[in-house]
Amino acid sequence: MVRLHPRHPAAPPAHAQAAGRPRHQDRLAGPGIARTLVLGGTRSGKSAYAEGLLDPAAAALYVATARGVDPEADPEWADRVAVHRARRPGGWRTVEDADLPAVLDAAPADPVLVDDLATWVTGLLDDAGWERDAPSVAAARAALVTAVSGFAGELVLVSAEVGLGVVPSTSAGRRFRDELGALNEALAAVCDEVWLLVAGLPLRLR
């Protein structure tokens, strides 16, 4: 199910960027830069950085991959979602809980930002019952890579980098790490730019 959300009523009037900076000047933007992958760990600043790559005064499509949650069952997660909604510019449309490859295939000419692929992979694994080598997960990954590689407009993807820590102690944790790592690698191969955020600082990998 696709749900469109207007701007959160408590949102500030301007795009929330670090220290009120304009669009990131450290990005080596230029002709041919269409697909950008932004990686980072938890609280690394990857989402805010990715949002700063797009013009807050122009139209854009924000694809939020987090699935709906009952605020009473998980108020902390609901608060996180509300913070993300509140800082999006008023001219951006939001799609939530969507079939990501289909959304990209049908996206308008406006720039598109996807945040984030870790929650999208979690949803795929939930649907597959966390079965190892589930055909549905592999098919969805292939479909997304195809949609990204064929995307004609400006596209910014946000994903978690989960391969730098200790080996997860559970099979589900290792499953998630492996699936997300495989997706990140495949997407990096078809993106024009790849960035890694560490402590709020962007490192250009490509």
N, C-alpha and C. Protein backbone atom coordinates (compact mmCIF):
# COMPACT_ATOMS: atom_id res chain seq x y z
N MET A 1 0.85 -1.20 0.00
CA MET A 1 0.00 0.00 0.00
C MET A 1 0.88 1.24 0.00
N VAL A 2 0.55 2.21 -0.84
CA VAL A 2 1.31 3.45 -0.93
C VAL A 2 0.53 4.55 -0.22
N ARG A 3 1.22 5.24 0.69
CA ARG A 3 0.56 6.32 1.42
C ARG A 3 1.32 7.62 1.18
N LEU A 4 0.59 8.67 0.82
CA LEU A 4 1.18 9.98 0.63
C LEU A 4 0.94 10.80 1.87
N HIS A 5 2.00 11.48 2.33
CA HIS A 5 1.90 12.29 3.54
C HIS A 5 2.26 13.72 3.23
N PRO A 6 1.45 14.67 3.68
CA PRO A 6 1.84 16.08 3.55
C PRO A 6 2.96 16.39 4.53
N ARG A 7 3.49 17.55 4.40
CA ARG A 7 4.54 17.96 5.32
C ARG A 7 4.01 17.98 6.74
N HIS A 8 4.83 17.53 7.68
CA HIS A 8 4.44 17.49 9.09
C HIS A 8 4.12 18.91 9.55
N PRO A 9 3.02 19.14 10.25
CA PRO A 9 2.63 20.50 10.61
C PRO A 9 3.64 21.22 11.49
N ALA A 10 4.49 20.46 12.20
CA ALA A 10 5.47 21.10 13.07
C ALA A 10 6.80 21.34 12.38
N ALA A 11 6.84 21.09 11.08
CA ALA A 11 8.11 21.19 10.36
C ALA A 11 8.59 22.63 10.29
N PRO A 12 9.91 22.83 10.37
CA PRO A 12 10.45 24.19 10.21
C PRO A 12 10.31 24.64 8.77
N PRO A 13 10.34 25.92 8.51
CA PRO A 13 10.11 26.42 7.16
C PRO A 13 11.24 26.13 6.19
N ALA A 14 12.42 25.88 6.68
CA ALA A 14 13.56 25.64 5.80
C ALA A 14 14.04 24.22 5.95
N HIS A 15 14.75 23.75 4.94
CA HIS A 15 15.31 22.41 4.96
C HIS A 15 16.33 22.31 6.09
N ALA A 16 16.21 21.25 6.91
CA ALA A 16 17.12 21.08 8.03
C ALA A 16 18.43 20.50 7.54
N GLN A 17 19.44 21.34 7.43
CA GLN A 17 20.78 20.91 7.06
C GLN A 17 21.73 21.32 8.16
N ALA A 18 22.87 20.66 8.22
CA ALA A 18 23.82 20.90 9.29
C ALA A 18 24.20 22.38 9.32
N ALA A 19 23.97 23.01 10.50
CA ALA A 19 24.34 24.41 10.73
C ALA A 19 23.76 25.34 9.66
N GLY A 20 22.63 24.95 9.05
CA GLY A 20 21.99 25.81 8.07
C GLY A 20 22.78 25.96 6.78
N ARG A 21 23.66 25.03 6.49
CA ARG A 21 24.48 25.14 5.28
C ARG A 21 23.61 25.06 4.03
N PRO A 22 24.08 25.64 2.92
CA PRO A 22 23.42 25.42 1.64
C PRO A 22 23.68 24.00 1.18
N ARG A 23 23.24 23.69 -0.01
CA ARG A 23 23.49 22.35 -0.55
C ARG A 23 24.97 22.06 -0.49
N HIS A 24 25.31 20.80 -0.26
CA HIS A 24 26.69 20.42 0.01
C HIS A 24 27.63 20.85 -1.11
N GLN A 25 28.65 21.60 -0.72
CA GLN A 25 29.62 22.07 -1.69
C GLN A 25 30.75 21.07 -1.91
N ASP A 26 30.84 20.04 -1.04
CA ASP A 26 31.91 19.06 -1.17
C ASP A 26 31.56 17.99 -2.20
N ARG A 27 30.34 18.01 -2.68
CA ARG A 27 29.96 17.04 -3.70
C ARG A 27 30.52 17.45 -5.05
N LEU A 28 31.10 16.52 -5.75
CA LEU A 28 31.69 16.82 -7.05
C LEU A 28 30.63 16.67 -8.13
N ALA A 29 29.59 17.47 -8.04
CA ALA A 29 28.48 17.36 -8.98
C ALA A 29 28.90 17.86 -10.35
N GLY A 30 28.24 17.34 -11.36
CA GLY A 30 28.55 17.75 -12.71
C GLY A 30 27.79 16.89 -13.69
N PRO A 31 28.03 17.07 -14.97
CA PRO A 31 27.34 16.27 -15.98
C PRO A 31 27.55 14.78 -15.75
N GLY A 32 26.49 14.02 -15.89
CA GLY A 32 26.60 12.57 -15.76
C GLY A 32 26.37 12.06 -14.35
N ILE A 33 26.25 12.97 -13.36
CA ILE A 33 26.01 12.55 -11.99
C ILE A 33 24.50 12.42 -11.81
N ALA A 34 24.01 11.20 -11.90
CA ALA A 34 22.57 10.98 -11.82
C ALA A 34 22.19 10.11 -10.63
N ARG A 35 22.99 9.11 -10.32
CA ARG A 35 22.66 8.15 -9.26
C ARG A 35 23.73 8.20 -8.17
N THR A 36 23.30 8.47 -6.95
CA THR A 36 24.22 8.62 -5.82
C THR A 36 23.81 7.67 -4.70
N LEU A 37 24.77 6.92 -4.16
CA LEU A 37 24.56 6.05 -3.02
C LEU A 37 25.27 6.64 -1.81
N VAL A 38 24.53 6.86 -0.73
CA VAL A 38 25.09 7.41 0.51
C VAL A 38 25.01 6.34 1.59
N LEU A 39 26.17 5.93 2.07
CA LEU A 39 26.28 4.88 3.09
C LEU A 39 26.71 5.48 4.42
N GLY A 40 26.40 4.78 5.51
CA GLY A 40 26.85 5.23 6.82
C GLY A 40 26.27 4.35 7.91
N GLY A 41 26.86 4.42 9.06
CA GLY A 41 26.36 3.68 10.21
C GLY A 41 25.23 4.42 10.90
N THR A 42 24.78 3.88 12.01
CA THR A 42 23.72 4.51 12.78
C THR A 42 24.18 5.86 13.30
N ARG A 43 23.32 6.87 13.13
CA ARG A 43 23.59 8.24 13.60
C ARG A 43 24.86 8.82 12.99
N SER A 44 25.17 8.43 11.77
CA SER A 44 26.35 8.94 11.10
C SER A 44 26.09 10.24 10.37
N GLY A 45 24.82 10.60 10.20
CA GLY A 45 24.47 11.80 9.45
C GLY A 45 24.16 11.53 7.99
N LYS A 46 24.01 10.25 7.64
CA LYS A 46 23.82 9.91 6.22
C LYS A 46 22.52 10.44 5.65
N SER A 47 21.44 10.40 6.42
CA SER A 47 20.15 10.86 5.90
C SER A 47 20.16 12.37 5.66
N ALA A 48 20.65 13.13 6.63
CA ALA A 48 20.70 14.58 6.47
C ALA A 48 21.62 14.96 5.32
N TYR A 49 22.72 14.25 5.18
CA TYR A 49 23.64 14.55 4.08
C TYR A 49 22.95 14.28 2.74
N ALA A 50 22.29 13.14 2.64
CA ALA A 50 21.60 12.79 1.39
C ALA A 50 20.53 13.82 1.04
N GLU A 51 19.79 14.26 2.04
CA GLU A 51 18.76 15.27 1.79
C GLU A 51 19.39 16.57 1.30
N GLY A 52 20.59 16.89 1.79
CA GLY A 52 21.26 18.10 1.38
C GLY A 52 21.81 18.07 -0.04
N LEU A 53 21.80 16.89 -0.67
CA LEU A 53 22.24 16.80 -2.05
C LEU A 53 21.18 17.29 -3.03
N LEU A 54 19.93 17.40 -2.56
CA LEU A 54 18.84 17.87 -3.41
C LEU A 54 18.49 19.31 -3.05
N ASP A 55 17.95 20.00 -4.01
CA ASP A 55 17.56 21.40 -3.83
C ASP A 55 16.27 21.46 -2.99
N PRO A 56 16.31 22.05 -1.79
CA PRO A 56 15.11 22.09 -0.96
C PRO A 56 14.00 22.96 -1.53
N ALA A 57 14.35 23.85 -2.47
CA ALA A 57 13.35 24.74 -3.05
C ALA A 57 12.67 24.15 -4.27
N ALA A 58 13.16 23.00 -4.74
CA ALA A 58 12.60 22.37 -5.94
C ALA A 58 11.76 21.16 -5.55
N ALA A 59 10.93 20.72 -6.49
CA ALA A 59 10.11 19.53 -6.24
C ALA A 59 11.00 18.29 -6.20
N ALA A 60 10.59 17.32 -5.39
CA ALA A 60 11.31 16.05 -5.30
C ALA A 60 10.35 15.01 -4.74
N LEU A 61 10.69 13.74 -4.96
CA LEU A 61 9.92 12.63 -4.42
C LEU A 61 10.77 11.94 -3.37
N TYR A 62 10.26 11.88 -2.14
CA TYR A 62 10.96 11.24 -1.02
C TYR A 62 10.30 9.88 -0.79
N VAL A 63 11.07 8.81 -0.99
CA VAL A 63 10.55 7.46 -0.80
C VAL A 63 11.05 6.94 0.54
N ALA A 64 10.14 6.84 1.51
CA ALA A 64 10.48 6.36 2.85
C ALA A 64 10.12 4.89 2.93
N THR A 65 11.12 4.05 3.21
CA THR A 65 10.90 2.61 3.15
C THR A 65 10.42 2.00 4.45
N ALA A 66 10.41 2.77 5.54
CA ALA A 66 9.96 2.22 6.82
C ALA A 66 8.48 1.90 6.76
N ARG A 67 8.11 0.75 7.24
CA ARG A 67 6.71 0.36 7.24
C ARG A 67 5.97 0.99 8.41
N GLY A 68 4.67 1.05 8.29
CA GLY A 68 3.86 1.67 9.32
C GLY A 68 4.02 0.98 10.66
N VAL A 69 3.96 1.75 11.73
CA VAL A 69 4.10 1.20 13.08
C VAL A 69 3.07 1.86 13.98
N ASP A 70 2.59 1.10 14.95
CA ASP A 70 1.65 1.62 15.92
C ASP A 70 2.41 2.48 16.93
N PRO A 71 2.12 3.79 17.00
CA PRO A 71 2.86 4.66 17.92
C PRO A 71 2.78 4.20 19.37
N GLU A 72 1.69 3.56 19.75
CA GLU A 72 1.58 3.09 21.13
C GLU A 72 2.44 1.86 21.37
N ALA A 73 2.62 1.04 20.34
CA ALA A 73 3.43 -0.17 20.49
C ALA A 73 4.92 0.14 20.47
N ASP A 74 5.31 1.15 19.69
CA ASP A 74 6.73 1.49 19.57
C ASP A 74 6.86 3.00 19.43
N PRO A 75 6.69 3.73 20.54
CA PRO A 75 6.72 5.20 20.47
C PRO A 75 8.08 5.74 20.04
N GLU A 76 9.16 5.07 20.41
CA GLU A 76 10.49 5.56 20.05
C GLU A 76 10.69 5.55 18.54
N TRP A 77 10.24 4.47 17.89
CA TRP A 77 10.36 4.40 16.43
C TRP A 77 9.44 5.42 15.76
N ALA A 78 8.25 5.59 16.33
CA ALA A 78 7.32 6.57 15.78
C ALA A 78 7.90 7.97 15.87
N ASP A 79 8.63 8.27 16.94
CA ASP A 79 9.27 9.58 17.09
C ASP A 79 10.35 9.77 16.03
N ARG A 80 11.10 8.71 15.73
CA ARG A 80 12.14 8.81 14.71
C ARG A 80 11.52 9.13 13.34
N VAL A 81 10.43 8.45 13.04
CA VAL A 81 9.75 8.70 11.77
C VAL A 81 9.24 10.14 11.70
N ALA A 82 8.69 10.62 12.82
CA ALA A 82 8.17 11.99 12.85
C ALA A 82 9.27 13.02 12.62
N VAL A 83 10.45 12.78 13.18
CA VAL A 83 11.58 13.71 12.98
C VAL A 83 11.96 13.77 11.51
N HIS A 84 12.02 12.61 10.84
CA HIS A 84 12.35 12.58 9.42
C HIS A 84 11.30 13.33 8.60
N ARG A 85 10.03 13.12 8.92
CA ARG A 85 8.97 13.81 8.18
C ARG A 85 9.07 15.31 8.36
N ALA A 86 9.38 15.73 9.59
CA ALA A 86 9.33 17.16 9.90
C ALA A 86 10.38 17.96 9.16
N ARG A 87 11.51 17.36 8.83
CA ARG A 87 12.57 18.16 8.22
C ARG A 87 12.54 18.16 6.69
N ARG A 88 11.57 17.46 6.09
CA ARG A 88 11.47 17.47 4.62
C ARG A 88 10.86 18.79 4.15
N PRO A 89 11.40 19.37 3.10
CA PRO A 89 10.85 20.61 2.56
C PRO A 89 9.39 20.45 2.14
N GLY A 90 8.66 21.54 2.18
CA GLY A 90 7.24 21.49 1.88
C GLY A 90 6.92 21.11 0.45
N GLY A 91 7.85 21.35 -0.47
CA GLY A 91 7.60 21.02 -1.87
C GLY A 91 7.90 19.59 -2.25
N TRP A 92 8.37 18.80 -1.30
CA TRP A 92 8.67 17.39 -1.58
C TRP A 92 7.44 16.53 -1.29
N ARG A 93 7.15 15.58 -2.19
CA ARG A 93 6.12 14.58 -1.94
C ARG A 93 6.76 13.38 -1.26
N THR A 94 5.98 12.68 -0.44
CA THR A 94 6.49 11.51 0.26
C THR A 94 5.64 10.28 -0.08
N VAL A 95 6.32 9.18 -0.39
CA VAL A 95 5.68 7.88 -0.56
C VAL A 95 6.24 6.95 0.51
N GLU A 96 5.37 6.28 1.23
CA GLU A 96 5.80 5.36 2.28
C GLU A 96 5.27 3.95 2.02
N ASP A 97 6.05 2.97 2.53
CA ASP A 97 5.63 1.56 2.46
C ASP A 97 5.30 1.17 1.03
N ALA A 98 6.28 1.32 0.14
CA ALA A 98 6.01 1.13 -1.27
C ALA A 98 6.85 0.01 -1.86
N ASP A 99 6.41 -0.47 -3.02
CA ASP A 99 7.18 -1.39 -3.83
C ASP A 99 8.27 -0.56 -4.51
N LEU A 100 9.48 -0.59 -3.96
CA LEU A 100 10.52 0.34 -4.37
C LEU A 100 10.88 0.26 -5.85
N PRO A 101 11.12 -0.93 -6.42
CA PRO A 101 11.41 -0.97 -7.85
C PRO A 101 10.28 -0.37 -8.69
N ALA A 102 9.04 -0.66 -8.32
CA ALA A 102 7.90 -0.12 -9.07
C ALA A 102 7.83 1.39 -8.96
N VAL A 103 8.11 1.93 -7.77
CA VAL A 103 8.09 3.38 -7.58
C VAL A 103 9.13 4.04 -8.47
N LEU A 104 10.33 3.47 -8.54
CA LEU A 104 11.38 4.06 -9.37
C LEU A 104 11.03 3.96 -10.85
N ASP A 105 10.44 2.85 -11.24
CA ASP A 105 10.06 2.69 -12.64
C ASP A 105 9.01 3.71 -13.07
N ALA A 106 8.14 4.10 -12.11
CA ALA A 106 7.04 5.01 -12.43
C ALA A 106 7.30 6.44 -11.97
N ALA A 107 8.51 6.71 -11.46
CA ALA A 107 8.79 8.03 -10.88
C ALA A 107 8.75 9.12 -11.94
N PRO A 108 8.32 10.32 -11.54
CA PRO A 108 8.30 11.45 -12.47
C PRO A 108 9.72 11.96 -12.72
N ALA A 109 9.81 13.06 -13.44
CA ALA A 109 11.12 13.61 -13.78
C ALA A 109 11.80 14.28 -12.59
N ASP A 110 11.06 14.54 -11.51
CA ASP A 110 11.64 15.17 -10.33
C ASP A 110 12.72 14.29 -9.71
N PRO A 111 13.69 14.88 -9.01
CA PRO A 111 14.67 14.08 -8.27
C PRO A 111 13.98 13.18 -7.26
N VAL A 112 14.62 12.04 -6.99
CA VAL A 112 14.06 11.05 -6.05
C VAL A 112 15.10 10.74 -4.99
N LEU A 113 14.66 10.71 -3.73
CA LEU A 113 15.52 10.30 -2.62
C LEU A 113 14.88 9.12 -1.93
N VAL A 114 15.64 8.04 -1.72
CA VAL A 114 15.16 6.83 -1.06
C VAL A 114 15.88 6.69 0.28
N ASP A 115 15.11 6.59 1.37
CA ASP A 115 15.69 6.49 2.70
C ASP A 115 14.84 5.54 3.55
N ASP A 116 15.38 4.38 3.98
CA ASP A 116 16.66 3.90 3.55
C ASP A 116 16.55 2.43 3.16
N LEU A 117 17.60 1.88 2.60
CA LEU A 117 17.56 0.52 2.07
C LEU A 117 17.66 -0.54 3.16
N ALA A 118 18.18 -0.19 4.32
CA ALA A 118 18.25 -1.17 5.41
C ALA A 118 16.85 -1.58 5.87
N THR A 119 15.95 -0.60 6.01
CA THR A 119 14.59 -0.94 6.42
C THR A 119 13.85 -1.67 5.30
N TRP A 120 14.19 -1.34 4.05
CA TRP A 120 13.58 -2.06 2.93
C TRP A 120 13.98 -3.52 2.94
N VAL A 121 15.26 -3.81 3.17
CA VAL A 121 15.73 -5.19 3.25
C VAL A 121 15.09 -5.91 4.44
N THR A 122 14.94 -5.22 5.55
CA THR A 122 14.29 -5.83 6.71
C THR A 122 12.87 -6.27 6.36
N GLY A 123 12.15 -5.43 5.63
CA GLY A 123 10.80 -5.79 5.20
C GLY A 123 10.79 -7.00 4.29
N LEU A 124 11.75 -7.08 3.38
CA LEU A 124 11.85 -8.26 2.50
C LEU A 124 12.08 -9.53 3.31
N LEU A 125 12.97 -9.45 4.28
CA LEU A 125 13.28 -10.62 5.10
C LEU A 125 12.09 -11.01 5.97
N ASP A 126 11.38 -10.01 6.48
CA ASP A 126 10.16 -10.30 7.25
C ASP A 126 9.16 -11.07 6.39
N ASP A 127 8.96 -10.60 5.17
CA ASP A 127 8.00 -11.23 4.27
C ASP A 127 8.41 -12.66 3.92
N ALA A 128 9.72 -12.90 3.88
CA ALA A 128 10.24 -14.22 3.52
C ALA A 128 10.43 -15.13 4.73
N GLY A 129 10.03 -14.66 5.91
CA GLY A 129 10.20 -15.46 7.12
C GLY A 129 11.65 -15.67 7.50
N TRP A 130 12.51 -14.77 7.04
CA TRP A 130 13.95 -14.83 7.33
C TRP A 130 14.58 -16.14 6.86
N GLU A 131 14.00 -16.67 5.81
CA GLU A 131 14.55 -17.89 5.20
C GLU A 131 15.83 -17.55 4.45
N ARG A 132 16.87 -18.36 4.64
CA ARG A 132 18.13 -18.12 3.95
C ARG A 132 17.97 -18.44 2.46
N ASP A 133 18.55 -17.56 1.64
CA ASP A 133 18.51 -17.73 0.18
C ASP A 133 17.07 -17.77 -0.35
N ALA A 134 16.20 -16.97 0.26
CA ALA A 134 14.81 -16.91 -0.20
C ALA A 134 14.76 -16.33 -1.61
N PRO A 135 14.11 -17.01 -2.55
CA PRO A 135 14.04 -16.50 -3.92
C PRO A 135 13.41 -15.12 -4.02
N SER A 136 12.45 -14.83 -3.15
CA SER A 136 11.78 -13.53 -3.23
C SER A 136 12.72 -12.38 -2.90
N VAL A 137 13.65 -12.62 -1.96
CA VAL A 137 14.60 -11.57 -1.58
C VAL A 137 15.59 -11.34 -2.71
N ALA A 138 16.10 -12.40 -3.29
CA ALA A 138 17.04 -12.26 -4.40
C ALA A 138 16.38 -11.59 -5.60
N ALA A 139 15.13 -11.93 -5.86
CA ALA A 139 14.41 -11.34 -6.99
C ALA A 139 14.18 -9.84 -6.77
N ALA A 140 13.83 -9.47 -5.53
CA ALA A 140 13.60 -8.05 -5.23
C ALA A 140 14.90 -7.28 -5.35
N ARG A 141 16.00 -7.86 -4.89
CA ARG A 141 17.29 -7.18 -5.01
C ARG A 141 17.65 -6.95 -6.48
N ALA A 142 17.48 -7.97 -7.29
CA ALA A 142 17.78 -7.85 -8.72
C ALA A 142 16.89 -6.81 -9.38
N ALA A 143 15.61 -6.78 -9.00
CA ALA A 143 14.68 -5.81 -9.59
C ALA A 143 15.07 -4.39 -9.22
N LEU A 144 15.51 -4.19 -7.97
CA LEU A 144 15.91 -2.85 -7.55
C LEU A 144 17.17 -2.39 -8.29
N VAL A 145 18.15 -3.27 -8.40
CA VAL A 145 19.38 -2.90 -9.10
C VAL A 145 19.07 -2.55 -10.55
N THR A 146 18.19 -3.30 -11.18
CA THR A 146 17.79 -3.01 -12.55
C THR A 146 17.10 -1.65 -12.64
N ALA A 147 16.20 -1.37 -11.69
CA ALA A 147 15.48 -0.09 -11.70
C ALA A 147 16.43 1.08 -11.49
N VAL A 148 17.41 0.91 -10.60
CA VAL A 148 18.37 1.98 -10.34
C VAL A 148 19.26 2.21 -11.55
N SER A 149 19.76 1.13 -12.14
CA SER A 149 20.67 1.27 -13.27
C SER A 149 19.98 1.92 -14.47
N GLY A 150 18.67 1.74 -14.59
CA GLY A 150 17.95 2.32 -15.71
C GLY A 150 17.28 3.65 -15.39
N PHE A 151 17.48 4.16 -14.18
CA PHE A 151 16.82 5.41 -13.77
C PHE A 151 17.44 6.58 -14.52
N ALA A 152 16.61 7.40 -15.14
CA ALA A 152 17.11 8.45 -16.03
C ALA A 152 17.31 9.78 -15.32
N GLY A 153 16.67 10.00 -14.17
CA GLY A 153 16.77 11.29 -13.49
C GLY A 153 17.78 11.27 -12.37
N GLU A 154 17.67 12.27 -11.49
CA GLU A 154 18.55 12.35 -10.33
C GLU A 154 18.00 11.48 -9.22
N LEU A 155 18.84 10.58 -8.70
CA LEU A 155 18.42 9.62 -7.70
C LEU A 155 19.46 9.56 -6.59
N VAL A 156 19.01 9.68 -5.34
CA VAL A 156 19.88 9.55 -4.17
C VAL A 156 19.34 8.42 -3.31
N LEU A 157 20.21 7.44 -3.03
CA LEU A 157 19.85 6.28 -2.22
C LEU A 157 20.61 6.33 -0.90
N VAL A 158 19.93 6.04 0.20
CA VAL A 158 20.56 6.00 1.52
C VAL A 158 20.54 4.55 2.01
N SER A 159 21.68 4.08 2.51
CA SER A 159 21.74 2.72 3.03
C SER A 159 22.70 2.67 4.20
N ALA A 160 22.51 1.68 5.06
CA ALA A 160 23.38 1.50 6.22
C ALA A 160 24.60 0.66 5.82
N GLU A 161 25.75 1.03 6.37
CA GLU A 161 26.95 0.22 6.22
C GLU A 161 27.07 -0.63 7.50
N VAL A 162 26.83 -1.92 7.37
CA VAL A 162 26.79 -2.78 8.55
C VAL A 162 27.92 -3.81 8.55
N GLY A 163 28.88 -3.67 7.67
CA GLY A 163 29.94 -4.66 7.58
C GLY A 163 31.21 -4.32 8.33
N LEU A 164 31.20 -3.28 9.15
CA LEU A 164 32.42 -2.84 9.82
C LEU A 164 32.48 -3.25 11.29
N GLY A 165 31.40 -3.82 11.81
CA GLY A 165 31.37 -4.19 13.22
C GLY A 165 31.69 -5.66 13.44
N VAL A 166 31.36 -6.13 14.62
CA VAL A 166 31.59 -7.52 14.95
C VAL A 166 30.59 -8.40 14.22
N VAL A 167 30.89 -9.69 14.12
CA VAL A 167 29.96 -10.62 13.50
C VAL A 167 28.73 -10.75 14.39
N PRO A 168 27.53 -10.55 13.84
CA PRO A 168 26.31 -10.66 14.67
C PRO A 168 26.23 -12.03 15.34
N SER A 169 25.67 -12.03 16.54
CA SER A 169 25.62 -13.27 17.33
C SER A 169 24.45 -14.17 16.95
N THR A 170 23.51 -13.66 16.16
CA THR A 170 22.34 -14.46 15.78
C THR A 170 22.34 -14.72 14.28
N SER A 171 21.67 -15.79 13.89
CA SER A 171 21.59 -16.11 12.47
C SER A 171 20.81 -15.03 11.71
N ALA A 172 19.78 -14.46 12.36
CA ALA A 172 19.01 -13.39 11.71
C ALA A 172 19.88 -12.16 11.49
N GLY A 173 20.70 -11.83 12.46
CA GLY A 173 21.60 -10.69 12.32
C GLY A 173 22.60 -10.90 11.19
N ARG A 174 23.13 -12.11 11.10
CA ARG A 174 24.07 -12.40 10.02
C ARG A 174 23.38 -12.41 8.67
N ARG A 175 22.15 -12.86 8.65
CA ARG A 175 21.36 -12.88 7.42
C ARG A 175 21.14 -11.45 6.92
N PHE A 176 20.74 -10.57 7.84
CA PHE A 176 20.52 -9.18 7.49
C PHE A 176 21.80 -8.53 6.98
N ARG A 177 22.91 -8.74 7.70
CA ARG A 177 24.19 -8.16 7.28
C ARG A 177 24.58 -8.62 5.89
N ASP A 178 24.42 -9.91 5.63
CA ASP A 178 24.83 -10.45 4.33
C ASP A 178 23.95 -9.90 3.20
N GLU A 179 22.64 -9.85 3.43
CA GLU A 179 21.74 -9.38 2.39
C GLU A 179 21.96 -7.90 2.09
N LEU A 180 22.09 -7.10 3.14
CA LEU A 180 22.28 -5.67 2.93
C LEU A 180 23.64 -5.40 2.29
N GLY A 181 24.66 -6.14 2.72
CA GLY A 181 25.97 -5.97 2.12
C GLY A 181 25.97 -6.30 0.64
N ALA A 182 25.26 -7.38 0.26
CA ALA A 182 25.17 -7.75 -1.15
C ALA A 182 24.43 -6.68 -1.95
N LEU A 183 23.38 -6.12 -1.36
CA LEU A 183 22.63 -5.06 -2.05
C LEU A 183 23.48 -3.81 -2.21
N ASN A 184 24.18 -3.40 -1.15
CA ASN A 184 25.02 -2.21 -1.23
C ASN A 184 26.09 -2.37 -2.31
N GLU A 185 26.70 -3.53 -2.37
CA GLU A 185 27.74 -3.77 -3.37
C GLU A 185 27.17 -3.68 -4.78
N ALA A 186 26.01 -4.29 -4.98
CA ALA A 186 25.40 -4.28 -6.31
C ALA A 186 24.99 -2.88 -6.72
N LEU A 187 24.46 -2.10 -5.78
CA LEU A 187 24.04 -0.73 -6.10
C LEU A 187 25.24 0.19 -6.33
N ALA A 188 26.29 0.00 -5.56
CA ALA A 188 27.49 0.82 -5.75
C ALA A 188 28.05 0.65 -7.15
N ALA A 189 27.90 -0.56 -7.70
CA ALA A 189 28.43 -0.84 -9.03
C ALA A 189 27.68 -0.08 -10.13
N VAL A 190 26.42 0.32 -9.87
CA VAL A 190 25.64 0.99 -10.91
C VAL A 190 25.39 2.47 -10.60
N CYS A 191 25.96 2.97 -9.49
CA CYS A 191 25.79 4.38 -9.14
C CYS A 191 26.98 5.19 -9.63
N ASP A 192 26.73 6.47 -9.91
CA ASP A 192 27.78 7.35 -10.40
C ASP A 192 28.65 7.88 -9.26
N GLU A 193 28.04 8.10 -8.11
CA GLU A 193 28.77 8.56 -6.93
C GLU A 193 28.43 7.65 -5.76
N VAL A 194 29.43 7.41 -4.89
CA VAL A 194 29.21 6.66 -3.66
C VAL A 194 29.91 7.42 -2.53
N TRP A 195 29.17 7.71 -1.46
CA TRP A 195 29.70 8.43 -0.31
C TRP A 195 29.56 7.58 0.95
N LEU A 196 30.50 7.75 1.87
CA LEU A 196 30.44 7.09 3.18
C LEU A 196 30.48 8.18 4.24
N LEU A 197 29.49 8.20 5.12
CA LEU A 197 29.43 9.17 6.22
C LEU A 197 29.99 8.55 7.49
N VAL A 198 30.96 9.24 8.09
CA VAL A 198 31.55 8.81 9.36
C VAL A 198 31.55 10.01 10.29
N ALA A 199 30.86 9.90 11.41
CA ALA A 199 30.79 11.00 12.40
C ALA A 199 30.37 12.31 11.75
N GLY A 200 29.43 12.18 10.79
CA GLY A 200 28.92 13.37 10.12
C GLY A 200 29.79 13.91 9.01
N LEU A 201 30.92 13.25 8.75
CA LEU A 201 31.85 13.71 7.72
C LEU A 201 31.76 12.82 6.50
N PRO A 202 31.58 13.42 5.31
CA PRO A 202 31.44 12.62 4.09
C PRO A 202 32.78 12.25 3.48
N LEU A 203 32.90 10.98 3.11
CA LEU A 203 34.09 10.49 2.42
C LEU A 203 33.63 10.00 1.04
N ARG A 204 34.22 10.53 0.00
CA ARG A 204 33.83 10.15 -1.36
C ARG A 204 34.57 8.87 -1.75
N LEU A 205 33.81 7.80 -2.00
CA LEU A 205 34.38 6.53 -2.41
C LEU A 205 34.46 6.42 -3.93
N ARG A 206 33.53 7.09 -4.62
CA ARG A 206 33.56 7.14 -6.08
C ARG A 206 33.08 8.50 -6.54
